[in-house]
């Protein structure tokens, strides 16, 4: 979707030269929104998980996960001794392929003017 927005921004200009001012403002907006999403996830997810663990400990008096369970969980995500890298690769390939498929059908719909055809 991001590449399609950038391409549409370049294509909207009717002259021979692309509108670089519009393109740079669009890229700056995309970078800001992506950065805000990343930072928001990091600075919200980590404190909330710590707060949840402390709340469970405060309410029950028992840690959310004891040290033995924590060790077992850490072993389960070790990059070399578990299937974590293989699972990450499979997920990455699946996300890549789903992006290609979604982009293909988005471009196909735009190329064939499907929204305009549905209205008429």
C-alpha atoms as a PDB file:
ATOM      1  CA  UNK A   1       0.000   0.000   0.000  1.00  0.00           C
ATOM      2  CA  UNK A   2       2.855   2.371   0.748  1.00  0.00           C
ATOM      3  CA  UNK A   3       4.455   1.825  -2.646  1.00  0.00           C
ATOM      4  CA  UNK A   4       1.089   2.334  -4.329  1.00  0.00           C
ATOM      5  CA  UNK A   5       0.596   5.637  -2.501  1.00  0.00           C
ATOM      6  CA  UNK A   6       4.043   6.846  -3.542  1.00  0.00           C
ATOM      7  CA  UNK A   7       3.462   5.771  -7.150  1.00  0.00           C
ATOM      8  CA  UNK A   8       0.079   7.509  -7.197  1.00  0.00           C
ATOM      9  CA  UNK A   9       1.684  10.662  -5.836  1.00  0.00           C
ATOM     10  CA  UNK A  10       4.228  10.658  -8.645  1.00  0.00           C
ATOM     11  CA  UNK A  11       1.580   9.869 -11.292  1.00  0.00           C
ATOM     12  CA  UNK A  12      -0.868  12.588 -10.167  1.00  0.00           C
ATOM     13  CA  UNK A  13       1.300  15.334 -11.589  1.00  0.00           C
ATOM     14  CA  UNK A  14       0.269  16.010 -15.190  1.00  0.00           C
ATOM     15  CA  UNK A  15       3.575  17.513 -16.343  1.00  0.00           C
ATOM     16  CA  UNK A  16       6.646  15.683 -17.570  1.00  0.00           C
ATOM     17  CA  UNK A  17       8.535  16.233 -14.311  1.00  0.00           C
ATOM     18  CA  UNK A  18       7.164  14.542 -11.166  1.00  0.00           C
ATOM     19  CA  UNK A  19       6.003  16.798  -8.326  1.00  0.00           C
ATOM     20  CA  UNK A  20       8.941  16.234  -5.997  1.00  0.00           C
ATOM     21  CA  UNK A  21       7.577  18.537  -3.293  1.00  0.00           C
ATOM     22  CA  UNK A  22       4.406  16.461  -2.997  1.00  0.00           C
ATOM     23  CA  UNK A  23       6.465  13.268  -3.100  1.00  0.00           C
ATOM     24  CA  UNK A  24       8.834  14.367  -0.331  1.00  0.00           C
ATOM     25  CA  UNK A  25       5.962  15.460   1.908  1.00  0.00           C
ATOM     26  CA  UNK A  26       4.256  12.092   1.357  1.00  0.00           C
ATOM     27  CA  UNK A  27       7.447  10.173   2.163  1.00  0.00           C
ATOM     28  CA  UNK A  28       7.999  12.300   5.272  1.00  0.00           C
ATOM     29  CA  UNK A  29       4.434  11.579   6.412  1.00  0.00           C
ATOM     30  CA  UNK A  30       4.899   7.848   5.810  1.00  0.00           C
ATOM     31  CA  UNK A  31       8.175   7.778   7.748  1.00  0.00           C
ATOM     32  CA  UNK A  32       6.596   9.673  10.659  1.00  0.00           C
ATOM     33  CA  UNK A  33       3.600   7.356  10.811  1.00  0.00           C
ATOM     34  CA  UNK A  34       5.745   4.211  10.660  1.00  0.00           C
ATOM     35  CA  UNK A  35       8.127   5.565  13.299  1.00  0.00           C
ATOM     36  CA  UNK A  36       5.210   6.488  15.553  1.00  0.00           C
ATOM     37  CA  UNK A  37       3.792   2.973  15.182  1.00  0.00           C
ATOM     38  CA  UNK A  38       7.111   1.332  16.059  1.00  0.00           C
ATOM     39  CA  UNK A  39       7.842   3.597  19.014  1.00  0.00           C
ATOM     40  CA  UNK A  40       4.261   3.353  20.238  1.00  0.00           C
ATOM     41  CA  UNK A  41       4.417  -0.420  20.231  1.00  0.00           C
ATOM     42  CA  UNK A  42       7.761  -0.516  22.038  1.00  0.00           C
ATOM     43  CA  UNK A  43       7.012   2.178  24.590  1.00  0.00           C
ATOM     44  CA  UNK A  44       3.501   0.909  25.261  1.00  0.00           C
ATOM     45  CA  UNK A  45       3.902  -2.879  25.076  1.00  0.00           C
ATOM     46  CA  UNK A  46       6.912  -3.187  27.386  1.00  0.00           C
ATOM     47  CA  UNK A  47       5.576  -0.987  30.232  1.00  0.00           C
ATOM     48  CA  UNK A  48       2.135  -2.616  30.001  1.00  0.00           C
ATOM     49  CA  UNK A  49       3.604  -6.112  30.258  1.00  0.00           C
ATOM     50  CA  UNK A  50       5.674  -5.065  33.287  1.00  0.00           C
ATOM     51  CA  UNK A  51       2.601  -3.438  34.853  1.00  0.00           C
ATOM     52  CA  UNK A  52       0.528  -6.565  34.236  1.00  0.00           C
ATOM     53  CA  UNK A  53       3.180  -8.781  35.846  1.00  0.00           C
ATOM     54  CA  UNK A  54       3.441  -6.476  38.856  1.00  0.00           C
ATOM     55  CA  UNK A  55      -0.352  -6.319  39.175  1.00  0.00           C
ATOM     56  CA  UNK A  56      -0.633 -10.113  39.187  1.00  0.00           C
ATOM     57  CA  UNK A  57       2.118 -10.343  41.799  1.00  0.00           C
ATOM     58  CA  UNK A  58       0.521  -7.595  43.926  1.00  0.00           C
ATOM     59  CA  UNK A  59      -2.972  -9.169  43.766  1.00  0.00           C
ATOM     60  CA  UNK A  60      -2.013 -12.816  44.239  1.00  0.00           C
ATOM     61  CA  UNK A  61       1.387 -12.675  45.920  1.00  0.00           C
ATOM     62  CA  UNK A  62       2.669 -15.203  43.384  1.00  0.00           C
ATOM     63  CA  UNK A  63       4.840 -14.239  40.401  1.00  0.00           C
ATOM     64  CA  UNK A  64       3.178 -14.489  37.002  1.00  0.00           C
ATOM     65  CA  UNK A  65       5.944 -16.908  35.933  1.00  0.00           C
ATOM     66  CA  UNK A  66       8.363 -18.578  38.329  1.00  0.00           C
ATOM     67  CA  UNK A  67      12.075 -18.875  37.554  1.00  0.00           C
ATOM     68  CA  UNK A  68      11.836 -22.471  36.323  1.00  0.00           C
ATOM     69  CA  UNK A  69       9.049 -21.610  33.873  1.00  0.00           C
ATOM     70  CA  UNK A  70      10.943 -18.506  32.739  1.00  0.00           C
ATOM     71  CA  UNK A  71      14.015 -20.600  31.971  1.00  0.00           C
ATOM     72  CA  UNK A  72      11.918 -23.061  29.998  1.00  0.00           C
ATOM     73  CA  UNK A  73      10.271 -20.240  28.031  1.00  0.00           C
ATOM     74  CA  UNK A  74      13.642 -18.692  27.218  1.00  0.00           C
ATOM     75  CA  UNK A  75      14.937 -22.047  25.977  1.00  0.00           C
ATOM     76  CA  UNK A  76      11.883 -22.292  23.735  1.00  0.00           C
ATOM     77  CA  UNK A  77      12.750 -19.085  21.881  1.00  0.00           C
ATOM     78  CA  UNK A  78      16.516 -19.554  21.671  1.00  0.00           C
ATOM     79  CA  UNK A  79      17.448 -18.800  18.039  1.00  0.00           C
ATOM     80  CA  UNK A  80      19.907 -21.688  17.656  1.00  0.00           C
ATOM     81  CA  UNK A  81      18.347 -24.401  19.837  1.00  0.00           C
ATOM     82  CA  UNK A  82      14.715 -24.042  18.803  1.00  0.00           C
ATOM     83  CA  UNK A  83      12.717 -23.652  15.632  1.00  0.00           C
ATOM     84  CA  UNK A  84      12.307 -19.903  16.171  1.00  0.00           C
ATOM     85  CA  UNK A  85      14.364 -18.915  13.104  1.00  0.00           C
ATOM     86  CA  UNK A  86      12.529 -21.393  10.902  1.00  0.00           C
ATOM     87  CA  UNK A  87       9.151 -20.177  12.141  1.00  0.00           C
ATOM     88  CA  UNK A  88      10.203 -16.543  11.610  1.00  0.00           C
ATOM     89  CA  UNK A  89      11.332 -17.360   8.069  1.00  0.00           C
ATOM     90  CA  UNK A  90       8.036 -19.081   7.309  1.00  0.00           C
ATOM     91  CA  UNK A  91       6.106 -16.102   8.693  1.00  0.00           C
ATOM     92  CA  UNK A  92       8.244 -13.668   6.699  1.00  0.00           C
ATOM     93  CA  UNK A  93       7.707 -15.584   3.464  1.00  0.00           C
ATOM     94  CA  UNK A  94       3.969 -15.760   4.132  1.00  0.00           C
ATOM     95  CA  UNK A  95       3.773 -12.024   4.812  1.00  0.00           C
ATOM     96  CA  UNK A  96       5.808 -11.270   1.694  1.00  0.00           C
ATOM     97  CA  UNK A  97       3.561 -13.429  -0.483  1.00  0.00           C
ATOM     98  CA  UNK A  98       0.389 -11.970   1.017  1.00  0.00           C
ATOM     99  CA  UNK A  99       1.718  -8.472   0.270  1.00  0.00           C
ATOM    100  CA  UNK A 100       2.408  -9.447  -3.336  1.00  0.00           C
ATOM    101  CA  UNK A 101      -1.056 -10.948  -3.745  1.00  0.00           C
ATOM    102  CA  UNK A 102      -2.790  -7.965  -2.126  1.00  0.00           C
ATOM    103  CA  UNK A 103      -0.798  -5.539  -4.265  1.00  0.00           C
ATOM    104  CA  UNK A 104      -1.587  -7.498  -7.417  1.00  0.00           C
ATOM    105  CA  UNK A 105      -5.331  -7.426  -6.810  1.00  0.00           C
ATOM    106  CA  UNK A 106      -5.247  -3.790  -5.705  1.00  0.00           C
ATOM    107  CA  UNK A 107      -3.465  -2.831  -8.922  1.00  0.00           C
ATOM    108  CA  UNK A 108      -5.780  -5.063 -10.956  1.00  0.00           C
ATOM    109  CA  UNK A 109      -8.808  -3.316  -9.497  1.00  0.00           C
ATOM    110  CA  UNK A 110      -7.327   0.092 -10.192  1.00  0.00           C
ATOM    111  CA  UNK A 111      -6.267  -0.850 -13.720  1.00  0.00           C
ATOM    112  CA  UNK A 112      -9.688  -2.242 -14.638  1.00  0.00           C
ATOM    113  CA  UNK A 113     -11.591   0.647 -12.958  1.00  0.00           C
ATOM    114  CA  UNK A 114     -13.598  -1.847 -10.913  1.00  0.00           C
ATOM    115  CA  UNK A 115     -14.926   0.684  -8.342  1.00  0.00           C
ATOM    116  CA  UNK A 116     -16.293   2.899 -11.136  1.00  0.00           C
ATOM    117  CA  UNK A 117     -17.834  -0.112 -12.869  1.00  0.00           C
ATOM    118  CA  UNK A 118     -19.572  -1.223  -9.685  1.00  0.00           C
ATOM    119  CA  UNK A 119     -21.167   2.204  -9.245  1.00  0.00           C
ATOM    120  CA  UNK A 120     -22.630   2.260 -12.778  1.00  0.00           C
END
